[in-house]
């Protein structure tokens, strides 16, 4: 067995739950890599909602995926997922931090990220996944990391399984993955801390 690196492991989890015709969310479109990957999994009969607050990221994603009718690019905060996504989703993916090769001062934040994770969990099908890749080695990153970890540790185990996948002998605060699987239907309560 060979241990998978973070991004290939994330993709292998998505491949297990996303099928043609599914509805999925890329909560942080960035440069469009995850959006493109998800579009390939959902096919022409599915739909990908891709969010980013930066126009630069939306344009980079548009360049990568082209004019695909089953990919909706949304120039808005992922905290507003519930304004756009009404269907049940099979997966959502987040890459926290800043846009690679972009302005490092524009970052995801704990408040919007926790709102978005909650909205994705609320819309997830049974067996659906919410995958959060946490990059915390930048200014503001450790606060967001800690808030996400506190939040997911409190998710009820009867409804959700939560996995943390990380390499523990790496230096300089390497990224890690938090994977949340919905086990059964749940009337999700909004977090009072938000």
N, C-alpha and C. Protein backbone atom coordinates (compact mmCIF):
# COMPACT_ATOMS: atom_id res chain seq x y z
N UNK A 1 0.84 -1.18 0.00
CA UNK A 1 0.00 0.00 0.00
C UNK A 1 0.88 1.25 0.00
N UNK A 2 0.46 2.24 -0.73
CA UNK A 2 1.13 3.53 -0.74
C UNK A 2 0.17 4.57 -0.20
N UNK A 3 0.66 5.38 0.74
CA UNK A 3 -0.18 6.44 1.28
C UNK A 3 -0.42 7.48 0.19
N UNK A 4 -1.67 7.86 0.03
CA UNK A 4 -2.01 8.87 -0.97
C UNK A 4 -1.73 10.26 -0.43
N UNK A 5 -1.23 11.13 -1.26
CA UNK A 5 -1.08 12.53 -0.89
C UNK A 5 -2.47 13.13 -0.74
N UNK A 6 -2.52 14.31 -0.20
CA UNK A 6 -3.79 14.93 0.19
C UNK A 6 -4.77 15.10 -0.96
N UNK A 7 -4.35 15.73 -2.04
CA UNK A 7 -5.29 16.01 -3.13
C UNK A 7 -5.73 14.74 -3.87
N UNK A 8 -4.82 13.79 -4.15
CA UNK A 8 -5.30 12.54 -4.75
C UNK A 8 -6.27 11.78 -3.84
N UNK A 9 -6.05 11.82 -2.54
CA UNK A 9 -6.97 11.16 -1.61
C UNK A 9 -8.34 11.84 -1.64
N UNK A 10 -8.34 13.16 -1.67
CA UNK A 10 -9.59 13.91 -1.77
C UNK A 10 -10.35 13.52 -3.04
N UNK A 11 -9.64 13.45 -4.15
CA UNK A 11 -10.27 13.07 -5.42
C UNK A 11 -10.80 11.64 -5.38
N UNK A 12 -10.07 10.74 -4.73
CA UNK A 12 -10.55 9.35 -4.67
C UNK A 12 -11.83 9.25 -3.85
N UNK A 13 -11.96 10.07 -2.81
CA UNK A 13 -13.21 10.08 -2.04
C UNK A 13 -14.35 10.61 -2.89
N UNK A 14 -14.10 11.67 -3.65
CA UNK A 14 -15.13 12.22 -4.52
C UNK A 14 -15.56 11.20 -5.58
N UNK A 15 -14.61 10.47 -6.12
CA UNK A 15 -14.94 9.46 -7.14
C UNK A 15 -15.86 8.38 -6.60
N UNK A 16 -15.80 8.14 -5.30
CA UNK A 16 -16.64 7.10 -4.70
C UNK A 16 -18.09 7.54 -4.51
N UNK A 17 -18.33 8.85 -4.40
CA UNK A 17 -19.70 9.29 -4.08
C UNK A 17 -20.37 10.11 -5.17
N UNK A 18 -19.61 10.65 -6.11
CA UNK A 18 -20.20 11.50 -7.15
C UNK A 18 -20.35 10.69 -8.43
N UNK A 19 -21.57 10.70 -8.96
CA UNK A 19 -21.90 9.92 -10.16
C UNK A 19 -22.57 10.82 -11.19
N UNK A 20 -22.61 10.36 -12.45
CA UNK A 20 -23.30 11.16 -13.47
C UNK A 20 -24.73 11.50 -13.03
N UNK A 21 -25.09 12.76 -13.24
CA UNK A 21 -26.42 13.22 -12.85
C UNK A 21 -26.50 13.84 -11.47
N UNK A 22 -25.43 13.74 -10.68
CA UNK A 22 -25.44 14.28 -9.32
C UNK A 22 -25.29 15.80 -9.31
N UNK A 23 -25.69 16.38 -8.19
CA UNK A 23 -25.53 17.81 -7.92
C UNK A 23 -24.41 17.94 -6.88
N UNK A 24 -23.43 18.82 -7.15
CA UNK A 24 -22.29 19.00 -6.25
C UNK A 24 -21.96 20.48 -6.11
N UNK A 25 -21.15 20.80 -5.10
CA UNK A 25 -20.75 22.18 -4.83
C UNK A 25 -19.23 22.25 -4.72
N UNK A 26 -18.64 23.19 -5.45
CA UNK A 26 -17.26 23.59 -5.23
C UNK A 26 -17.36 24.93 -4.51
N UNK A 27 -17.15 24.91 -3.20
CA UNK A 27 -17.39 26.09 -2.37
C UNK A 27 -16.30 27.15 -2.50
N UNK A 28 -15.16 26.77 -3.07
CA UNK A 28 -14.04 27.69 -3.26
C UNK A 28 -13.43 27.41 -4.63
N UNK A 29 -13.99 27.97 -5.67
CA UNK A 29 -13.61 27.61 -7.04
C UNK A 29 -12.13 27.83 -7.34
N UNK A 30 -11.56 28.90 -6.81
CA UNK A 30 -10.13 29.14 -7.02
C UNK A 30 -9.78 29.19 -8.50
N UNK A 31 -8.84 28.36 -8.90
CA UNK A 31 -8.42 28.32 -10.30
C UNK A 31 -9.16 27.27 -11.13
N UNK A 32 -10.19 26.65 -10.54
CA UNK A 32 -11.08 25.80 -11.31
C UNK A 32 -10.73 24.33 -11.38
N UNK A 33 -9.69 23.91 -10.71
CA UNK A 33 -9.28 22.49 -10.79
C UNK A 33 -10.36 21.56 -10.23
N UNK A 34 -10.87 21.86 -9.05
CA UNK A 34 -11.92 21.01 -8.46
C UNK A 34 -13.22 21.10 -9.26
N UNK A 35 -13.55 22.29 -9.74
CA UNK A 35 -14.76 22.45 -10.55
C UNK A 35 -14.68 21.57 -11.79
N UNK A 36 -13.54 21.59 -12.45
CA UNK A 36 -13.35 20.77 -13.66
C UNK A 36 -13.45 19.28 -13.32
N UNK A 37 -12.83 18.88 -12.23
CA UNK A 37 -12.86 17.47 -11.82
C UNK A 37 -14.30 17.04 -11.51
N UNK A 38 -15.02 17.87 -10.75
CA UNK A 38 -16.40 17.55 -10.40
C UNK A 38 -17.29 17.51 -11.64
N UNK A 39 -17.07 18.40 -12.58
CA UNK A 39 -17.86 18.41 -13.82
C UNK A 39 -17.67 17.12 -14.59
N UNK A 40 -16.45 16.59 -14.56
CA UNK A 40 -16.19 15.31 -15.21
C UNK A 40 -16.92 14.16 -14.53
N UNK A 41 -17.05 14.23 -13.22
CA UNK A 41 -17.75 13.16 -12.49
C UNK A 41 -19.27 13.25 -12.66
N UNK A 42 -19.82 14.45 -12.66
CA UNK A 42 -21.28 14.60 -12.75
C UNK A 42 -21.79 14.44 -14.17
N UNK A 43 -20.92 14.72 -15.14
CA UNK A 43 -21.32 14.59 -16.54
C UNK A 43 -22.33 15.65 -16.94
N UNK A 44 -22.80 15.53 -18.19
CA UNK A 44 -23.72 16.52 -18.75
C UNK A 44 -25.10 16.50 -18.08
N UNK A 45 -25.41 15.43 -17.37
CA UNK A 45 -26.73 15.34 -16.74
C UNK A 45 -26.72 15.83 -15.30
N UNK A 46 -25.53 16.14 -14.77
CA UNK A 46 -25.43 16.64 -13.41
C UNK A 46 -25.25 18.15 -13.38
N UNK A 47 -24.89 18.66 -12.21
CA UNK A 47 -24.68 20.10 -12.07
C UNK A 47 -23.63 20.37 -11.01
N UNK A 48 -22.76 21.33 -11.33
CA UNK A 48 -21.74 21.80 -10.39
C UNK A 48 -22.02 23.27 -10.11
N UNK A 49 -22.18 23.61 -8.84
CA UNK A 49 -22.27 25.00 -8.41
C UNK A 49 -20.87 25.37 -7.89
N UNK A 50 -20.23 26.35 -8.50
CA UNK A 50 -18.88 26.75 -8.10
C UNK A 50 -18.90 28.20 -7.61
N UNK A 51 -18.48 28.40 -6.38
CA UNK A 51 -18.52 29.71 -5.71
C UNK A 51 -17.12 30.29 -5.55
N UNK A 52 -17.01 31.60 -5.73
CA UNK A 52 -15.81 32.31 -5.32
C UNK A 52 -16.14 33.79 -5.20
N UNK A 53 -15.51 34.45 -4.21
CA UNK A 53 -15.77 35.89 -4.01
C UNK A 53 -14.90 36.75 -4.91
N UNK A 54 -13.91 36.15 -5.56
CA UNK A 54 -13.01 36.92 -6.40
C UNK A 54 -13.34 36.72 -7.89
N UNK A 55 -13.54 37.82 -8.58
CA UNK A 55 -13.82 37.74 -10.02
C UNK A 55 -12.69 37.05 -10.76
N UNK A 56 -11.45 37.27 -10.32
CA UNK A 56 -10.28 36.63 -10.92
C UNK A 56 -10.42 35.10 -10.88
N UNK A 57 -10.91 34.58 -9.77
CA UNK A 57 -11.10 33.13 -9.62
C UNK A 57 -12.23 32.63 -10.51
N UNK A 58 -13.31 33.40 -10.58
CA UNK A 58 -14.43 33.01 -11.43
C UNK A 58 -13.98 32.93 -12.89
N UNK A 59 -13.20 33.93 -13.33
CA UNK A 59 -12.71 33.94 -14.71
C UNK A 59 -11.73 32.80 -14.97
N UNK A 60 -10.85 32.51 -14.01
CA UNK A 60 -9.91 31.39 -14.16
C UNK A 60 -10.67 30.07 -14.27
N UNK A 61 -11.72 29.92 -13.48
CA UNK A 61 -12.53 28.71 -13.53
C UNK A 61 -13.27 28.62 -14.85
N UNK A 62 -13.82 29.74 -15.30
CA UNK A 62 -14.52 29.76 -16.59
C UNK A 62 -13.59 29.34 -17.73
N UNK A 63 -12.34 29.82 -17.69
CA UNK A 63 -11.36 29.43 -18.70
C UNK A 63 -11.10 27.93 -18.68
N UNK A 64 -11.04 27.38 -17.48
CA UNK A 64 -10.72 25.96 -17.33
C UNK A 64 -11.88 25.07 -17.77
N UNK A 65 -13.11 25.43 -17.43
CA UNK A 65 -14.26 24.55 -17.72
C UNK A 65 -14.98 24.91 -19.00
N UNK A 66 -14.71 26.09 -19.56
CA UNK A 66 -15.39 26.51 -20.79
C UNK A 66 -16.84 26.87 -20.52
N UNK A 67 -17.59 26.93 -21.58
CA UNK A 67 -19.01 27.31 -21.49
C UNK A 67 -19.84 26.04 -21.31
N UNK A 68 -19.79 25.50 -20.13
CA UNK A 68 -20.53 24.27 -19.85
C UNK A 68 -21.87 24.61 -19.21
N UNK A 69 -22.97 24.14 -19.81
CA UNK A 69 -24.28 24.46 -19.26
C UNK A 69 -24.56 23.80 -17.90
N UNK A 70 -23.77 22.77 -17.56
CA UNK A 70 -24.02 22.12 -16.27
C UNK A 70 -23.07 22.58 -15.16
N UNK A 71 -22.32 23.66 -15.43
CA UNK A 71 -21.48 24.28 -14.40
C UNK A 71 -21.98 25.71 -14.22
N UNK A 72 -22.41 26.02 -13.01
CA UNK A 72 -22.86 27.38 -12.71
C UNK A 72 -21.80 28.06 -11.86
N UNK A 73 -21.17 29.09 -12.43
CA UNK A 73 -20.15 29.86 -11.73
C UNK A 73 -20.83 31.01 -11.01
N UNK A 74 -20.57 31.12 -9.70
CA UNK A 74 -21.26 32.09 -8.87
C UNK A 74 -20.24 33.00 -8.20
N UNK A 75 -20.26 34.28 -8.57
CA UNK A 75 -19.37 35.27 -7.99
C UNK A 75 -20.03 35.79 -6.71
N UNK A 76 -19.89 35.00 -5.66
CA UNK A 76 -20.51 35.32 -4.38
C UNK A 76 -19.85 34.47 -3.30
N UNK A 77 -20.12 34.82 -2.07
CA UNK A 77 -19.58 34.08 -0.93
C UNK A 77 -20.20 32.70 -0.81
N UNK A 78 -19.38 31.74 -0.40
CA UNK A 78 -19.92 30.40 -0.15
C UNK A 78 -20.88 30.40 1.04
N UNK A 79 -20.88 31.45 1.81
CA UNK A 79 -21.84 31.56 2.92
C UNK A 79 -23.27 31.72 2.40
N UNK A 80 -23.42 31.94 1.10
CA UNK A 80 -24.74 32.11 0.50
C UNK A 80 -25.16 30.91 -0.35
N UNK A 81 -24.59 29.76 -0.08
CA UNK A 81 -24.95 28.55 -0.83
C UNK A 81 -26.45 28.34 -0.83
N UNK A 82 -27.08 28.56 0.30
CA UNK A 82 -28.53 28.30 0.39
C UNK A 82 -29.36 29.24 -0.49
N UNK A 83 -28.78 30.34 -0.97
CA UNK A 83 -29.49 31.22 -1.90
C UNK A 83 -29.53 30.65 -3.32
N UNK A 84 -28.59 29.77 -3.63
CA UNK A 84 -28.43 29.27 -5.00
C UNK A 84 -28.75 27.78 -5.15
N UNK A 85 -28.41 27.00 -4.15
CA UNK A 85 -28.52 25.54 -4.27
C UNK A 85 -29.77 25.08 -3.51
N UNK A 86 -30.74 24.58 -4.25
CA UNK A 86 -31.99 24.12 -3.64
C UNK A 86 -32.09 22.60 -3.62
N UNK A 87 -31.29 21.94 -4.46
CA UNK A 87 -31.34 20.48 -4.57
C UNK A 87 -30.50 19.81 -3.48
N UNK A 88 -30.69 18.50 -3.34
CA UNK A 88 -29.80 17.69 -2.50
C UNK A 88 -28.48 17.51 -3.24
N UNK A 89 -27.39 17.49 -2.49
CA UNK A 89 -26.08 17.34 -3.10
C UNK A 89 -25.43 16.03 -2.65
N UNK A 90 -24.57 15.50 -3.52
CA UNK A 90 -23.84 14.29 -3.15
C UNK A 90 -22.47 14.63 -2.58
N UNK A 91 -21.96 15.83 -2.87
CA UNK A 91 -20.65 16.21 -2.34
C UNK A 91 -20.46 17.72 -2.41
N UNK A 92 -19.57 18.19 -1.53
CA UNK A 92 -19.10 19.58 -1.57
C UNK A 92 -17.63 19.54 -1.22
N UNK A 93 -16.87 20.43 -1.84
CA UNK A 93 -15.44 20.49 -1.56
C UNK A 93 -15.03 21.93 -1.29
N UNK A 94 -14.17 22.10 -0.29
CA UNK A 94 -13.63 23.39 0.12
C UNK A 94 -12.10 23.31 0.11
N UNK A 95 -11.44 24.34 -0.37
CA UNK A 95 -10.00 24.52 -0.19
C UNK A 95 -9.84 25.87 0.49
N UNK A 96 -9.57 25.84 1.78
CA UNK A 96 -9.53 27.07 2.56
C UNK A 96 -8.21 27.80 2.37
N UNK A 97 -8.22 29.08 2.67
CA UNK A 97 -7.01 29.89 2.57
C UNK A 97 -7.17 30.97 1.54
N UNK A 98 -6.17 31.13 0.67
CA UNK A 98 -6.19 32.19 -0.33
C UNK A 98 -6.06 31.59 -1.73
N UNK A 99 -6.36 32.39 -2.72
CA UNK A 99 -6.26 31.97 -4.12
C UNK A 99 -4.79 31.83 -4.50
N UNK A 100 -4.37 30.62 -4.92
CA UNK A 100 -2.99 30.48 -5.37
C UNK A 100 -2.68 31.48 -6.49
N UNK A 101 -1.56 32.14 -6.40
CA UNK A 101 -1.12 33.18 -7.35
C UNK A 101 -2.04 34.40 -7.32
N UNK A 102 -2.84 34.53 -6.25
CA UNK A 102 -3.73 35.67 -6.10
C UNK A 102 -3.29 36.54 -4.94
N UNK A 103 -4.18 37.41 -4.51
CA UNK A 103 -3.93 38.31 -3.39
C UNK A 103 -4.02 37.52 -2.09
N UNK A 104 -2.91 37.37 -1.39
CA UNK A 104 -2.86 36.58 -0.16
C UNK A 104 -3.59 37.26 1.00
N UNK A 105 -3.99 38.50 0.82
CA UNK A 105 -4.75 39.19 1.87
C UNK A 105 -6.23 38.82 1.81
N UNK A 106 -6.68 38.26 0.69
CA UNK A 106 -8.08 37.83 0.56
C UNK A 106 -8.14 36.34 0.88
N UNK A 107 -8.72 36.02 2.03
CA UNK A 107 -8.73 34.64 2.51
C UNK A 107 -10.15 34.22 2.92
N UNK A 108 -10.33 32.91 3.01
CA UNK A 108 -11.58 32.42 3.59
C UNK A 108 -11.55 32.72 5.09
N UNK A 109 -12.73 32.85 5.68
CA UNK A 109 -12.80 33.18 7.10
C UNK A 109 -13.69 32.18 7.83
N UNK A 110 -13.48 32.08 9.12
CA UNK A 110 -14.22 31.11 9.93
C UNK A 110 -15.73 31.30 9.83
N UNK A 111 -16.20 32.53 9.92
CA UNK A 111 -17.64 32.77 9.94
C UNK A 111 -18.30 32.28 8.65
N UNK A 112 -17.79 32.71 7.50
CA UNK A 112 -18.41 32.30 6.24
C UNK A 112 -18.21 30.81 5.97
N UNK A 113 -17.05 30.28 6.33
CA UNK A 113 -16.78 28.86 6.10
C UNK A 113 -17.70 27.98 6.93
N UNK A 114 -17.91 28.31 8.20
CA UNK A 114 -18.81 27.49 9.03
C UNK A 114 -20.25 27.57 8.53
N UNK A 115 -20.66 28.75 8.08
CA UNK A 115 -22.01 28.87 7.50
C UNK A 115 -22.14 27.96 6.27
N UNK A 116 -21.12 28.01 5.42
CA UNK A 116 -21.15 27.22 4.18
C UNK A 116 -21.12 25.73 4.47
N UNK A 117 -20.29 25.30 5.39
CA UNK A 117 -20.24 23.87 5.74
C UNK A 117 -21.61 23.43 6.25
N UNK A 118 -22.21 24.21 7.13
CA UNK A 118 -23.53 23.88 7.66
C UNK A 118 -24.58 23.77 6.57
N UNK A 119 -24.55 24.69 5.61
CA UNK A 119 -25.52 24.67 4.51
C UNK A 119 -25.30 23.43 3.62
N UNK A 120 -24.05 23.05 3.42
CA UNK A 120 -23.77 21.85 2.62
C UNK A 120 -24.21 20.59 3.36
N UNK A 121 -23.97 20.53 4.65
CA UNK A 121 -24.41 19.36 5.42
C UNK A 121 -25.93 19.24 5.40
N UNK A 122 -26.60 20.36 5.48
CA UNK A 122 -28.06 20.39 5.44
C UNK A 122 -28.58 19.83 4.12
N UNK A 123 -27.89 20.10 3.02
CA UNK A 123 -28.33 19.68 1.69
C UNK A 123 -27.78 18.32 1.28
N UNK A 124 -26.86 17.76 2.05
CA UNK A 124 -26.23 16.50 1.67
C UNK A 124 -27.20 15.33 1.70
N UNK A 125 -27.06 14.47 0.69
CA UNK A 125 -27.79 13.21 0.68
C UNK A 125 -27.17 12.29 1.73
N UNK A 126 -27.89 11.26 2.13
CA UNK A 126 -27.30 10.22 2.98
C UNK A 126 -26.16 9.59 2.18
N UNK A 127 -25.01 9.47 2.79
CA UNK A 127 -23.82 8.96 2.11
C UNK A 127 -23.03 10.05 1.42
N UNK A 128 -23.54 11.28 1.45
CA UNK A 128 -22.85 12.40 0.82
C UNK A 128 -21.65 12.85 1.65
N UNK A 129 -20.72 13.52 0.97
CA UNK A 129 -19.49 13.97 1.62
C UNK A 129 -19.33 15.48 1.52
N UNK A 130 -18.84 16.06 2.60
CA UNK A 130 -18.36 17.44 2.59
C UNK A 130 -16.87 17.35 2.92
N UNK A 131 -16.04 17.78 1.98
CA UNK A 131 -14.59 17.66 2.12
C UNK A 131 -13.99 19.05 2.27
N UNK A 132 -13.21 19.23 3.33
CA UNK A 132 -12.63 20.54 3.63
C UNK A 132 -11.12 20.37 3.73
N UNK A 133 -10.40 20.94 2.76
CA UNK A 133 -8.94 20.95 2.80
C UNK A 133 -8.53 22.24 3.49
N UNK A 134 -7.85 22.08 4.62
CA UNK A 134 -7.52 23.23 5.47
C UNK A 134 -6.05 23.60 5.34
N UNK A 135 -5.83 24.80 4.83
CA UNK A 135 -4.50 25.39 4.75
C UNK A 135 -4.46 26.46 5.84
N UNK A 136 -3.52 26.32 6.78
CA UNK A 136 -3.53 27.25 7.91
C UNK A 136 -2.23 28.01 8.11
N UNK A 137 -1.28 27.87 7.21
CA UNK A 137 0.03 28.49 7.40
C UNK A 137 0.12 29.93 6.94
N UNK A 138 -1.00 30.62 6.90
CA UNK A 138 -1.01 32.02 6.50
C UNK A 138 -1.71 32.83 7.59
N UNK A 139 -1.57 34.14 7.53
CA UNK A 139 -2.19 35.02 8.53
C UNK A 139 -3.71 34.82 8.50
N UNK A 140 -4.29 34.49 9.66
CA UNK A 140 -5.72 34.24 9.77
C UNK A 140 -6.09 32.77 9.60
N UNK A 141 -5.17 31.99 9.09
CA UNK A 141 -5.46 30.58 8.81
C UNK A 141 -5.65 29.73 10.05
N UNK A 142 -4.88 29.99 11.10
CA UNK A 142 -4.97 29.16 12.30
C UNK A 142 -6.31 29.37 13.02
N UNK A 143 -6.83 30.59 13.00
CA UNK A 143 -8.14 30.84 13.61
C UNK A 143 -9.25 30.11 12.89
N UNK A 144 -9.21 30.13 11.56
CA UNK A 144 -10.22 29.41 10.78
C UNK A 144 -10.10 27.90 11.01
N UNK A 145 -8.86 27.40 10.99
CA UNK A 145 -8.61 25.97 11.25
C UNK A 145 -9.22 25.56 12.59
N UNK A 146 -8.93 26.32 13.63
CA UNK A 146 -9.42 25.96 14.97
C UNK A 146 -10.94 25.99 15.04
N UNK A 147 -11.55 26.98 14.38
CA UNK A 147 -13.01 27.08 14.39
C UNK A 147 -13.65 25.90 13.66
N UNK A 148 -13.08 25.52 12.52
CA UNK A 148 -13.62 24.38 11.78
C UNK A 148 -13.47 23.10 12.59
N UNK A 149 -12.32 22.91 13.21
CA UNK A 149 -12.10 21.69 13.99
C UNK A 149 -13.05 21.62 15.19
N UNK A 150 -13.27 22.73 15.85
CA UNK A 150 -14.21 22.76 16.97
C UNK A 150 -15.62 22.41 16.49
N UNK A 151 -16.01 22.98 15.36
CA UNK A 151 -17.33 22.76 14.79
C UNK A 151 -17.55 21.28 14.44
N UNK A 152 -16.61 20.69 13.71
CA UNK A 152 -16.81 19.31 13.25
C UNK A 152 -16.74 18.30 14.39
N UNK A 153 -15.98 18.60 15.43
CA UNK A 153 -15.92 17.70 16.59
C UNK A 153 -17.25 17.63 17.32
N UNK A 154 -18.07 18.67 17.17
CA UNK A 154 -19.37 18.71 17.84
C UNK A 154 -20.50 18.13 17.00
N UNK A 155 -20.24 17.73 15.76
CA UNK A 155 -21.30 17.14 14.94
C UNK A 155 -21.77 15.84 15.56
N UNK A 156 -23.08 15.59 15.63
CA UNK A 156 -23.58 14.38 16.29
C UNK A 156 -23.15 13.12 15.55
N UNK A 157 -22.55 12.19 16.30
CA UNK A 157 -22.01 10.99 15.68
C UNK A 157 -23.08 10.06 15.14
N UNK A 158 -24.31 10.20 15.59
CA UNK A 158 -25.39 9.39 15.04
C UNK A 158 -25.71 9.80 13.60
N UNK A 159 -25.42 11.05 13.24
CA UNK A 159 -25.73 11.55 11.90
C UNK A 159 -24.52 11.70 10.98
N UNK A 160 -23.33 11.86 11.57
CA UNK A 160 -22.15 12.16 10.75
C UNK A 160 -20.93 11.38 11.23
N UNK A 161 -20.12 10.95 10.26
CA UNK A 161 -18.77 10.46 10.54
C UNK A 161 -17.81 11.54 10.08
N UNK A 162 -16.81 11.85 10.90
CA UNK A 162 -15.84 12.89 10.57
C UNK A 162 -14.44 12.29 10.63
N UNK A 163 -13.70 12.46 9.54
CA UNK A 163 -12.34 11.93 9.41
C UNK A 163 -11.37 13.08 9.24
N UNK A 164 -10.21 12.98 9.88
CA UNK A 164 -9.13 13.94 9.66
C UNK A 164 -7.97 13.16 9.03
N UNK A 165 -7.52 13.61 7.86
CA UNK A 165 -6.46 12.93 7.13
C UNK A 165 -5.30 13.90 7.00
N UNK A 166 -4.17 13.54 7.63
CA UNK A 166 -3.03 14.43 7.59
C UNK A 166 -1.73 13.67 7.77
N UNK A 167 -0.68 14.23 7.26
CA UNK A 167 0.67 13.72 7.49
C UNK A 167 1.25 14.50 8.66
N UNK A 168 1.59 13.79 9.73
CA UNK A 168 1.94 14.46 10.98
C UNK A 168 3.44 14.76 11.13
N UNK A 169 4.27 14.29 10.19
CA UNK A 169 5.70 14.57 10.30
C UNK A 169 6.17 15.62 9.30
N UNK A 170 5.25 16.42 8.79
CA UNK A 170 5.60 17.49 7.85
C UNK A 170 5.77 18.80 8.61
N UNK A 171 6.64 19.66 8.10
CA UNK A 171 6.91 20.94 8.76
C UNK A 171 6.08 22.06 8.15
N UNK A 172 6.04 23.18 8.83
CA UNK A 172 5.43 24.42 8.35
C UNK A 172 3.92 24.31 8.14
N UNK A 173 3.22 23.75 9.08
CA UNK A 173 1.75 23.69 9.06
C UNK A 173 1.20 23.19 7.72
N UNK A 174 1.46 21.94 7.39
CA UNK A 174 0.96 21.42 6.11
C UNK A 174 -0.56 21.34 6.12
N UNK A 175 -1.16 21.36 4.93
CA UNK A 175 -2.62 21.24 4.85
C UNK A 175 -3.07 19.84 5.27
N UNK A 176 -4.34 19.76 5.65
CA UNK A 176 -4.93 18.46 5.97
C UNK A 176 -6.38 18.47 5.52
N UNK A 177 -6.96 17.28 5.48
CA UNK A 177 -8.33 17.11 5.01
C UNK A 177 -9.25 16.74 6.15
N UNK A 178 -10.41 17.37 6.20
CA UNK A 178 -11.50 16.94 7.07
C UNK A 178 -12.62 16.46 6.13
N UNK A 179 -13.01 15.21 6.29
CA UNK A 179 -14.07 14.62 5.47
C UNK A 179 -15.26 14.31 6.38
N UNK A 180 -16.43 14.80 5.99
CA UNK A 180 -17.65 14.59 6.77
C UNK A 180 -18.63 13.80 5.91
N UNK A 181 -19.04 12.65 6.41
CA UNK A 181 -20.02 11.83 5.69
C UNK A 181 -21.35 11.85 6.44
N UNK A 182 -22.42 12.10 5.70
CA UNK A 182 -23.75 12.10 6.31
C UNK A 182 -24.25 10.66 6.38
N UNK A 183 -24.55 10.19 7.58
CA UNK A 183 -24.96 8.80 7.78
C UNK A 183 -26.46 8.59 7.66
N UNK A 184 -27.24 9.56 8.11
CA UNK A 184 -28.69 9.43 7.98
C UNK A 184 -29.33 10.81 7.98
N UNK A 185 -30.61 10.82 7.58
CA UNK A 185 -31.32 12.10 7.51
C UNK A 185 -31.26 12.79 8.86
N UNK A 186 -31.16 14.08 8.79
CA UNK A 186 -30.99 14.86 10.01
C UNK A 186 -31.58 16.24 9.78
N UNK A 187 -32.39 16.66 10.68
CA UNK A 187 -32.89 18.03 10.64
C UNK A 187 -31.79 18.89 11.24
N UNK A 188 -31.04 19.54 10.38
CA UNK A 188 -29.83 20.23 10.80
C UNK A 188 -30.16 21.57 11.44
N UNK A 189 -29.61 21.79 12.61
CA UNK A 189 -29.82 23.05 13.33
C UNK A 189 -28.69 24.02 12.98
N UNK A 190 -29.06 25.24 12.71
CA UNK A 190 -28.03 26.26 12.46
C UNK A 190 -27.23 26.48 13.73
N UNK A 191 -25.94 26.66 13.57
CA UNK A 191 -25.05 26.85 14.70
C UNK A 191 -25.30 28.22 15.30
N UNK A 192 -25.58 28.27 16.59
CA UNK A 192 -25.89 29.53 17.27
C UNK A 192 -24.66 30.45 17.35
N UNK A 193 -23.47 29.90 17.14
CA UNK A 193 -22.26 30.72 17.19
C UNK A 193 -22.10 31.59 15.95
N UNK A 194 -22.88 31.32 14.90
CA UNK A 194 -22.68 32.03 13.63
C UNK A 194 -23.50 33.29 13.55
